[in-house]
Amino acid sequence: MISIPLTIGAALLGLTCLYHATDGLQAFTAEGARRVVVAKHRPYVPDIMFEDMTGTSQSLLPQSGEIVLVEFIYTTCPTICQTAGSDFAQLRDALVQTRENVRMISVSFNPANDTLAALGDYAELHTASGSPWTVARVDVAQRAQALDFFNVTVIPDEWGGFQHNTAVLLIEPDGRHTGVFDTDALAQITSAVVK
């Protein structure tokens, strides 16, 4: 027969492990943990470069006091990226009405296959004109750094595509990454941008 103190000790140890593994019972998924860490630590974004759909090299860091909203995609994604693109278009339409200084970027994590023509096609499909929303590809040399910093998981699938997480990532004018939102959380993102 197991003694009561041993049972209580095991239960307390289990609860302690659960508490630490879930960031104080705040996150029960990897995505939840990512959101908690970003909100708590507000890390500074490294100077990650990308090439937009016109071939212009730009920094992901905010310019002239703007807020930057980023999503990671690949242009041939038949499911989640197409939905995220539609969500980003709705977000763009809502934010244009607020006249906030916002730059929106759909960044391909597949620069080897996402040519400028592919970026342009994706932009045309989703009505991204370049301002305030552009479609781009991350610099090959900084791909791993970008995915690691933003905690984007990319797993090749058996059909030549990728399984990946997606979200709208908020970068404040001071260069801090402060928010991770579902792509369809229009009201929540707008509230975070419009202060």
Foldseek 3Di string as FASTA:
>chain_A
DDDPVVVVVVVVVVVVVVCVVQVNVQHDDPVSVLFVCQQVPQDFDDFWWWQWLVRDIDTQADDPFEKEKEKEDALVDPPDVLVLLLLVLVLVVVVVVVVGRYAYEHEYLCVVPCDSVSQVVSCVVSVPPVVSYTYIYTDPVCSVVVCVVSVWDWAQDPVRGTDIDIFIWIAGNVRTTNGTHHSNPNVVVVVVRRD
